[in-house]
């Protein structure tokens, strides 16, 4: 009775661990949470029946693997290679943990073609805890692969809590408590592990959401700057276009009157004036020229000395939107920093080499 009860609880926890692994590998089920839950309940029920009525390791193992493959293909978005690979990985990980616990508790019968008898209560409880540790480590490394930051404290809890649970369970088994007390303590240990890591996951997710929110707020600031820049550039272009039309009209009038000397002098004056002045050697890239032209005028108004080295081709494999955001933000930050120092100087270098745009 005691061993059977612990066996059922351990199998429930193992099914939960497999669900964690599949969520880690495949994400949310395409069938919905309800169907996903029923799939793992069915997995638990079938494996329990096979272990009770057959209990031949090779048959129960193959049956478990086939069910894991079916769950991967039918319950999640995965290709056949991905489904087979992750199913093998999950099955092998859980089986290796089972072998380690079996050997650690003195069970040396590794014949997979015959039924076996194993009645170590501590080993039965230790098995899902060890498997839980393996699952948590796999999930941590998987999250690192996806670029998610895992706090050091979470790594520490991942190792310490399951090991601490194993130690407590060993102490409980050695005290020869009444079986209901042992069962209650074991269930509490399992629930404690699940709740602690659930709360840790919630905290990490909250941190991720907060980080994403901060990034969106920064993006909003950059977009507002870009919008302001576009409005200001549009206004300056409108003014320059108006002035240019007046200059063209004057040049046309002088030409019609035959005033060649005045026409030449006027052209020279225009060439030396602000309309044709530039602080840097212009490129053929309209986006970079427009931003630098506007920002250099702003720097002049703030009394900031600027030095530019710009060598880029006409066509860049970079989004104009992204380029505007990056370059505008860099120049804004540089001008803000110059306002806090005596020697107000900005040097910016923009080059394109080996299919990379380098901004310094």
Foldseek 3Di string as FASTA:
>chain_A
DLQVVLLLVLLVLLLVLVLLLCCLQFNAWPVDPVVLVVLSVVLSVVLVVCCVPPQQQVVSLVVSLVSQLCCQVVTGPDDNVSSNVSSVVLSVLLVVLLVVLCVVVPNDPPRRGDHDDDRDSLSSLLSSLSSQLSSLVVSVVSCVVVVQDDDPVSVVCSPPLSVVLSVVLVVLVVVPDDSVVSVVSSVVSSVVVVVVVVVVVVVSVVVVVVVVVVVVVVVVVLVVVLVVLVVVLVVVVVVLVVVVVVLVVVLVVCVVVVVVVVSVVSVVVVCPDPSPDDPDDDALAPLVRSLRRVLVVVCVVVVAAEAEAEDDHRDAPDDSSVVSSVVVVVSVVLSVVLVVDDRHYYYWYWDADPSDTDID
